[in-house]
């Protein structure tokens, strides 16, 4: 397999199963981009939904006064 005499350095830490994730991303990059966009949209909608109601009321009043 690997000729140990040709390896320079030593392992300081490792992250188990990270190779599977990297391989998945390399093979299916278009799928990963779609997931990232959907996650971004989800968190934006969540932020809008969880915004305190005080700010929503103030924004509505400001918008109505600007339209008049």
PDB file of N, CA and C in Angstrom:
ATOM      1  N   UNK A   1       0.824  -1.191   0.000  1.00  0.00           N
ATOM      2  CA  UNK A   1       0.000   0.000   0.000  1.00  0.00           C
ATOM      3  C   UNK A   1       0.865   1.250   0.000  1.00  0.00           C
ATOM      4  N   UNK A   2       1.134   1.760   1.183  1.00  0.00           N
ATOM      5  CA  UNK A   2       1.867   3.011   1.323  1.00  0.00           C
ATOM      6  C   UNK A   2       3.263   2.713   1.852  1.00  0.00           C
ATOM      7  N   UNK A   3       4.241   3.224   1.174  1.00  0.00           N
ATOM      8  CA  UNK A   3       5.618   3.042   1.606  1.00  0.00           C
ATOM      9  C   UNK A   3       5.899   4.063   2.713  1.00  0.00           C
ATOM     10  N   UNK A   4       5.984   3.598   3.950  1.00  0.00           N
ATOM     11  CA  UNK A   4       6.136   4.495   5.095  1.00  0.00           C
ATOM     12  C   UNK A   4       7.405   5.325   5.040  1.00  0.00           C
ATOM     13  N   UNK A   5       8.418   4.851   4.368  1.00  0.00           N
ATOM     14  CA  UNK A   5       9.667   5.607   4.302  1.00  0.00           C
ATOM     15  C   UNK A   5       9.522   6.875   3.444  1.00  0.00           C
ATOM     16  N   UNK A   6       8.487   6.953   2.628  1.00  0.00           N
ATOM     17  CA  UNK A   6       8.281   8.120   1.766  1.00  0.00           C
ATOM     18  C   UNK A   6       7.410   9.193   2.420  1.00  0.00           C
ATOM     19  N   UNK A   7       6.870   8.912   3.582  1.00  0.00           N
ATOM     20  CA  UNK A   7       5.986   9.863   4.264  1.00  0.00           C
ATOM     21  C   UNK A   7       6.813  10.755   5.176  1.00  0.00           C
ATOM     22  N   UNK A   8       6.590  12.071   5.048  1.00  0.00           N
ATOM     23  CA  UNK A   8       7.283  13.034   5.897  1.00  0.00           C
ATOM     24  C   UNK A   8       6.240  13.707   6.776  1.00  0.00           C
ATOM     25  N   UNK A   9       6.478  13.755   8.086  1.00  0.00           N
ATOM     26  CA  UNK A   9       5.561  14.406   9.004  1.00  0.00           C
ATOM     27  C   UNK A   9       4.914  13.416   9.938  1.00  0.00           C
ATOM     28  N   UNK A  10       4.021  13.945  10.754  1.00  0.00           N
ATOM     29  CA  UNK A  10       3.287  13.088  11.675  1.00  0.00           C
ATOM     30  C   UNK A  10       1.866  13.621  11.822  1.00  0.00           C
ATOM     31  N   UNK A  11       0.969  12.760  12.208  1.00  0.00           N
ATOM     32  CA  UNK A  11      -0.432  13.129  12.399  1.00  0.00           C
ATOM     33  C   UNK A  11      -0.573  13.814  13.746  1.00  0.00           C
ATOM     34  N   UNK A  12      -1.128  15.033  13.740  1.00  0.00           N
ATOM     35  CA  UNK A  12      -1.346  15.745  15.001  1.00  0.00           C
ATOM     36  C   UNK A  12      -2.786  15.631  15.466  1.00  0.00           C
ATOM     37  N   UNK A  13      -3.727  15.568  14.527  1.00  0.00           N
ATOM     38  CA  UNK A  13      -5.124  15.326  14.861  1.00  0.00           C
ATOM     39  C   UNK A  13      -5.839  14.814  13.615  1.00  0.00           C
ATOM     40  N   UNK A  14      -7.012  14.263  13.812  1.00  0.00           N
ATOM     41  CA  UNK A  14      -7.801  13.793  12.673  1.00  0.00           C
ATOM     42  C   UNK A  14      -9.277  14.017  12.962  1.00  0.00           C
ATOM     43  N   UNK A  15     -10.038  14.126  11.900  1.00  0.00           N
ATOM     44  CA  UNK A  15     -11.489  14.269  12.016  1.00  0.00           C
ATOM     45  C   UNK A  15     -12.100  13.045  11.339  1.00  0.00           C
ATOM     46  N   UNK A  16     -12.641  12.138  12.141  1.00  0.00           N
ATOM     47  CA  UNK A  16     -13.204  10.911  11.568  1.00  0.00           C
ATOM     48  C   UNK A  16     -14.344  11.196  10.586  1.00  0.00           C
ATOM     49  N   UNK A  17     -14.399  10.452   9.517  1.00  0.00           N
ATOM     50  CA  UNK A  17     -15.456  10.492   8.506  1.00  0.00           C
ATOM     51  C   UNK A  17     -15.465  11.771   7.665  1.00  0.00           C
ATOM     52  N   UNK A  18     -14.526  12.680   7.834  1.00  0.00           N
ATOM     53  CA  UNK A  18     -14.495  13.907   7.042  1.00  0.00           C
ATOM     54  C   UNK A  18     -14.254  13.605   5.568  1.00  0.00           C
ATOM     55  N   UNK A  19     -13.526  12.573   5.284  1.00  0.00           N
ATOM     56  CA  UNK A  19     -13.262  12.192   3.905  1.00  0.00           C
ATOM     57  C   UNK A  19     -14.517  11.865   3.125  1.00  0.00           C
ATOM     58  N   UNK A  20     -15.502  11.260   3.795  1.00  0.00           N
ATOM     59  CA  UNK A  20     -16.760  10.948   3.130  1.00  0.00           C
ATOM     60  C   UNK A  20     -17.491  12.224   2.709  1.00  0.00           C
ATOM     61  N   UNK A  21     -17.471  13.227   3.576  1.00  0.00           N
ATOM     62  CA  UNK A  21     -18.130  14.497   3.274  1.00  0.00           C
ATOM     63  C   UNK A  21     -17.430  15.198   2.114  1.00  0.00           C
ATOM     64  N   UNK A  22     -16.107  15.210   2.136  1.00  0.00           N
ATOM     65  CA  UNK A  22     -15.348  15.858   1.065  1.00  0.00           C
ATOM     66  C   UNK A  22     -15.591  15.160  -0.268  1.00  0.00           C
ATOM     67  N   UNK A  23     -15.622  13.838  -0.250  1.00  0.00           N
ATOM     68  CA  UNK A  23     -15.875  13.088  -1.481  1.00  0.00           C
ATOM     69  C   UNK A  23     -17.276  13.367  -2.015  1.00  0.00           C
ATOM     70  N   UNK A  24     -18.259  13.443  -1.129  1.00  0.00           N
ATOM     71  CA  UNK A  24     -19.630  13.749  -1.538  1.00  0.00           C
ATOM     72  C   UNK A  24     -19.702  15.122  -2.190  1.00  0.00           C
ATOM     73  N   UNK A  25     -19.057  16.111  -1.588  1.00  0.00           N
ATOM     74  CA  UNK A  25     -19.076  17.476  -2.123  1.00  0.00           C
ATOM     75  C   UNK A  25     -18.381  17.516  -3.483  1.00  0.00           C
ATOM     76  N   UNK A  26     -17.292  16.815  -3.630  1.00  0.00           N
ATOM     77  CA  UNK A  26     -16.563  16.830  -4.897  1.00  0.00           C
ATOM     78  C   UNK A  26     -17.373  16.185  -6.018  1.00  0.00           C
ATOM     79  N   UNK A  27     -18.121  15.152  -5.710  1.00  0.00           N
ATOM     80  CA  UNK A  27     -18.878  14.449  -6.735  1.00  0.00           C
ATOM     81  C   UNK A  27     -20.222  15.108  -7.036  1.00  0.00           C
ATOM     82  N   UNK A  28     -20.792  15.762  -6.064  1.00  0.00           N
ATOM     83  CA  UNK A  28     -22.138  16.321  -6.215  1.00  0.00           C
ATOM     84  C   UNK A  28     -22.163  17.795  -5.834  1.00  0.00           C
ATOM     85  N   UNK A  29     -21.298  18.607  -6.400  1.00  0.00           N
ATOM     86  CA  UNK A  29     -21.188  20.019  -6.025  1.00  0.00           C
ATOM     87  C   UNK A  29     -22.471  20.781  -6.329  1.00  0.00           C
ATOM     88  N   UNK A  30     -23.170  20.437  -7.399  1.00  0.00           N
ATOM     89  CA  UNK A  30     -24.408  21.125  -7.759  1.00  0.00           C
ATOM     90  C   UNK A  30     -25.486  20.893  -6.700  1.00  0.00           C
ATOM     91  N   UNK A  31     -25.509  19.713  -6.107  1.00  0.00           N
ATOM     92  CA  UNK A  31     -26.469  19.391  -5.051  1.00  0.00           C
ATOM     93  C   UNK A  31     -26.138  20.167  -3.782  1.00  0.00           C
ATOM     94  N   UNK A  32     -24.867  20.283  -3.471  1.00  0.00           N
ATOM     95  CA  UNK A  32     -24.425  20.994  -2.276  1.00  0.00           C
ATOM     96  C   UNK A  32     -24.766  22.480  -2.389  1.00  0.00           C
ATOM     97  N   UNK A  33     -24.595  23.064  -3.571  1.00  0.00           N
ATOM     98  CA  UNK A  33     -24.932  24.475  -3.766  1.00  0.00           C
ATOM     99  C   UNK A  33     -26.429  24.695  -3.528  1.00  0.00           C
ATOM    100  N   UNK A  34     -27.249  23.808  -4.036  1.00  0.00           N
ATOM    101  CA  UNK A  34     -28.694  23.919  -3.824  1.00  0.00           C
ATOM    102  C   UNK A  34     -29.046  23.832  -2.339  1.00  0.00           C
ATOM    103  N   UNK A  35     -28.395  22.943  -1.624  1.00  0.00           N
ATOM    104  CA  UNK A  35     -28.648  22.804  -0.183  1.00  0.00           C
ATOM    105  C   UNK A  35     -28.240  24.075   0.550  1.00  0.00           C
ATOM    106  N   UNK A  36     -27.104  24.651   0.202  1.00  0.00           N
ATOM    107  CA  UNK A  36     -26.634  25.879   0.852  1.00  0.00           C
ATOM    108  C   UNK A  36     -27.624  27.016   0.608  1.00  0.00           C
ATOM    109  N   UNK A  37     -28.112  27.154  -0.612  1.00  0.00           N
ATOM    110  CA  UNK A  37     -29.083  28.208  -0.923  1.00  0.00           C
ATOM    111  C   UNK A  37     -30.373  28.000  -0.130  1.00  0.00           C
ATOM    112  N   UNK A  38     -30.847  26.768  -0.066  1.00  0.00           N
ATOM    113  CA  UNK A  38     -32.068  26.490   0.692  1.00  0.00           C
ATOM    114  C   UNK A  38     -31.891  26.758   2.187  1.00  0.00           C
ATOM    115  N   UNK A  39     -30.749  26.422   2.726  1.00  0.00           N
ATOM    116  CA  UNK A  39     -30.477  26.697   4.142  1.00  0.00           C
ATOM    117  C   UNK A  39     -30.446  28.201   4.385  1.00  0.00           C
ATOM    118  N   UNK A  40     -29.837  28.958   3.473  1.00  0.00           N
ATOM    119  CA  UNK A  40     -29.789  30.416   3.597  1.00  0.00           C
ATOM    120  C   UNK A  40     -31.207  30.991   3.587  1.00  0.00           C
ATOM    121  N   UNK A  41     -32.039  30.542   2.664  1.00  0.00           N
ATOM    122  CA  UNK A  41     -33.417  31.026   2.584  1.00  0.00           C
ATOM    123  C   UNK A  41     -34.187  30.658   3.856  1.00  0.00           C
ATOM    124  N   UNK A  42     -33.982  29.450   4.354  1.00  0.00           N
ATOM    125  CA  UNK A  42     -34.651  29.004   5.572  1.00  0.00           C
ATOM    126  C   UNK A  42     -34.319  29.916   6.744  1.00  0.00           C
ATOM    127  N   UNK A  43     -33.040  30.236   6.931  1.00  0.00           N
ATOM    128  CA  UNK A  43     -32.656  31.073   8.057  1.00  0.00           C
ATOM    129  C   UNK A  43     -33.131  32.519   7.895  1.00  0.00           C
ATOM    130  N   UNK A  44     -33.186  33.013   6.661  1.00  0.00           N
ATOM    131  CA  UNK A  44     -33.728  34.362   6.431  1.00  0.00           C
ATOM    132  C   UNK A  44     -35.215  34.399   6.801  1.00  0.00           C
ATOM    133  N   UNK A  45     -35.971  33.391   6.378  1.00  0.00           N
ATOM    134  CA  UNK A  45     -37.390  33.337   6.712  1.00  0.00           C
ATOM    135  C   UNK A  45     -37.599  33.159   8.213  1.00  0.00           C
ATOM    136  N   UNK A  46     -36.769  32.356   8.842  1.00  0.00           N
ATOM    137  CA  UNK A  46     -36.848  32.149  10.279  1.00  0.00           C
ATOM    138  C   UNK A  46     -36.590  33.454  11.023  1.00  0.00           C
ATOM    139  N   UNK A  47     -35.620  34.219  10.548  1.00  0.00           N
ATOM    140  CA  UNK A  47     -35.301  35.509  11.169  1.00  0.00           C
ATOM    141  C   UNK A  47     -36.477  36.475  11.030  1.00  0.00           C
ATOM    142  N   UNK A  48     -37.100  36.502   9.868  1.00  0.00           N
ATOM    143  CA  UNK A  48     -38.252  37.374   9.655  1.00  0.00           C
ATOM    144  C   UNK A  48     -39.411  36.945  10.559  1.00  0.00           C
ATOM    145  N   UNK A  49     -39.630  35.651  10.643  1.00  0.00           N
ATOM    146  CA  UNK A  49     -40.732  35.129  11.441  1.00  0.00           C
ATOM    147  C   UNK A  49     -40.531  35.391  12.928  1.00  0.00           C
ATOM    148  N   UNK A  50     -39.311  35.283  13.418  1.00  0.00           N
ATOM    149  CA  UNK A  50     -39.032  35.434  14.843  1.00  0.00           C
ATOM    150  C   UNK A  50     -38.711  36.865  15.247  1.00  0.00           C
ATOM    151  N   UNK A  51     -38.800  37.802  14.310  1.00  0.00           N
ATOM    152  CA  UNK A  51     -38.539  39.205  14.622  1.00  0.00           C
ATOM    153  C   UNK A  51     -39.578  39.679  15.636  1.00  0.00           C
ATOM    154  N   UNK A  52     -39.160  40.446  16.628  1.00  0.00           N
ATOM    155  CA  UNK A  52     -40.121  40.920  17.643  1.00  0.00           C
ATOM    156  C   UNK A  52     -41.273  41.685  17.000  1.00  0.00           C
ATOM    157  N   UNK A  53     -42.463  41.533  17.561  1.00  0.00           N
ATOM    158  CA  UNK A  53     -43.656  42.144  16.972  1.00  0.00           C
ATOM    159  C   UNK A  53     -43.623  43.663  17.059  1.00  0.00           C
ATOM    160  N   UNK A  54     -42.883  44.247  18.007  1.00  0.00           N
ATOM    161  CA  UNK A  54     -42.784  45.700  18.121  1.00  0.00           C
ATOM    162  C   UNK A  54     -42.222  46.306  16.841  1.00  0.00           C
ATOM    163  N   UNK A  55     -41.166  45.701  16.335  1.00  0.00           N
ATOM    164  CA  UNK A  55     -40.541  46.226  15.124  1.00  0.00           C
ATOM    165  C   UNK A  55     -41.467  46.106  13.922  1.00  0.00           C
ATOM    166  N   UNK A  56     -42.247  45.047  13.865  1.00  0.00           N
ATOM    167  CA  UNK A  56     -43.168  44.863  12.745  1.00  0.00           C
ATOM    168  C   UNK A  56     -44.220  45.967  12.749  1.00  0.00           C
ATOM    169  N   UNK A  57     -44.735  46.299  13.930  1.00  0.00           N
ATOM    170  CA  UNK A  57     -45.742  47.350  14.036  1.00  0.00           C
ATOM    171  C   UNK A  57     -45.175  48.705  13.656  1.00  0.00           C
ATOM    172  N   UNK A  58     -43.963  49.005  14.095  1.00  0.00           N
ATOM    173  CA  UNK A  58     -43.323  50.276  13.758  1.00  0.00           C
ATOM    174  C   UNK A  58     -43.079  50.387  12.264  1.00  0.00           C
ATOM    175  N   UNK A  59     -42.647  49.298  11.650  1.00  0.00           N
ATOM    176  CA  UNK A  59     -42.398  49.318  10.214  1.00  0.00           C
ATOM    177  C   UNK A  59     -43.683  49.561   9.446  1.00  0.00           C
ATOM    178  N   UNK A  60     -44.774  48.948   9.872  1.00  0.00           N
ATOM    179  CA  UNK A  60     -46.049  49.118   9.188  1.00  0.00           C
ATOM    180  C   UNK A  60     -46.525  50.559   9.292  1.00  0.00           C
ATOM    181  N   UNK A  61     -46.367  51.167  10.466  1.00  0.00           N
ATOM    182  CA  UNK A  61     -46.776  52.560  10.656  1.00  0.00           C
ATOM    183  C   UNK A  61     -45.911  53.475   9.797  1.00  0.00           C
ATOM    184  N   UNK A  62     -44.610  53.229   9.769  1.00  0.00           N
ATOM    185  CA  UNK A  62     -43.713  54.051   8.951  1.00  0.00           C
ATOM    186  C   UNK A  62     -44.053  53.933   7.472  1.00  0.00           C
ATOM    187  N   UNK A  63     -44.355  52.731   7.004  1.00  0.00           N
ATOM    188  CA  UNK A  63     -44.692  52.531   5.602  1.00  0.00           C
ATOM    189  C   UNK A  63     -45.994  53.240   5.242  1.00  0.00           C
ATOM    190  N   UNK A  64     -46.959  53.202   6.146  1.00  0.00           N
ATOM    191  CA  UNK A  64     -48.227  53.873   5.878  1.00  0.00           C
ATOM    192  C   UNK A  64     -48.054  55.388   5.834  1.00  0.00           C
ATOM    193  N   UNK A  65     -47.210  55.919   6.732  1.00  0.00           N
ATOM    194  CA  UNK A  65     -46.997  57.372   6.731  1.00  0.00           C
ATOM    195  C   UNK A  65     -46.209  57.815   5.503  1.00  0.00           C
ATOM    196  N   UNK A  66     -45.336  56.982   4.986  1.00  0.00           N
ATOM    197  CA  UNK A  66     -44.582  57.326   3.788  1.00  0.00           C
ATOM    198  C   UNK A  66     -45.465  57.302   2.543  1.00  0.00           C
ATOM    199  N   UNK A  67     -46.433  56.413   2.518  1.00  0.00           N
ATOM    200  CA  UNK A  67     -47.313  56.269   1.357  1.00  0.00           C
ATOM    201  C   UNK A  67     -48.315  57.415   1.258  1.00  0.00           C
ATOM    202  N   UNK A  68     -48.585  58.117   2.326  1.00  0.00           N
ATOM    203  CA  UNK A  68     -49.579  59.220   2.299  1.00  0.00           C
ATOM    204  C   UNK A  68     -48.995  60.503   1.792  1.00  0.00           C
TER     205      UNK A  68
END
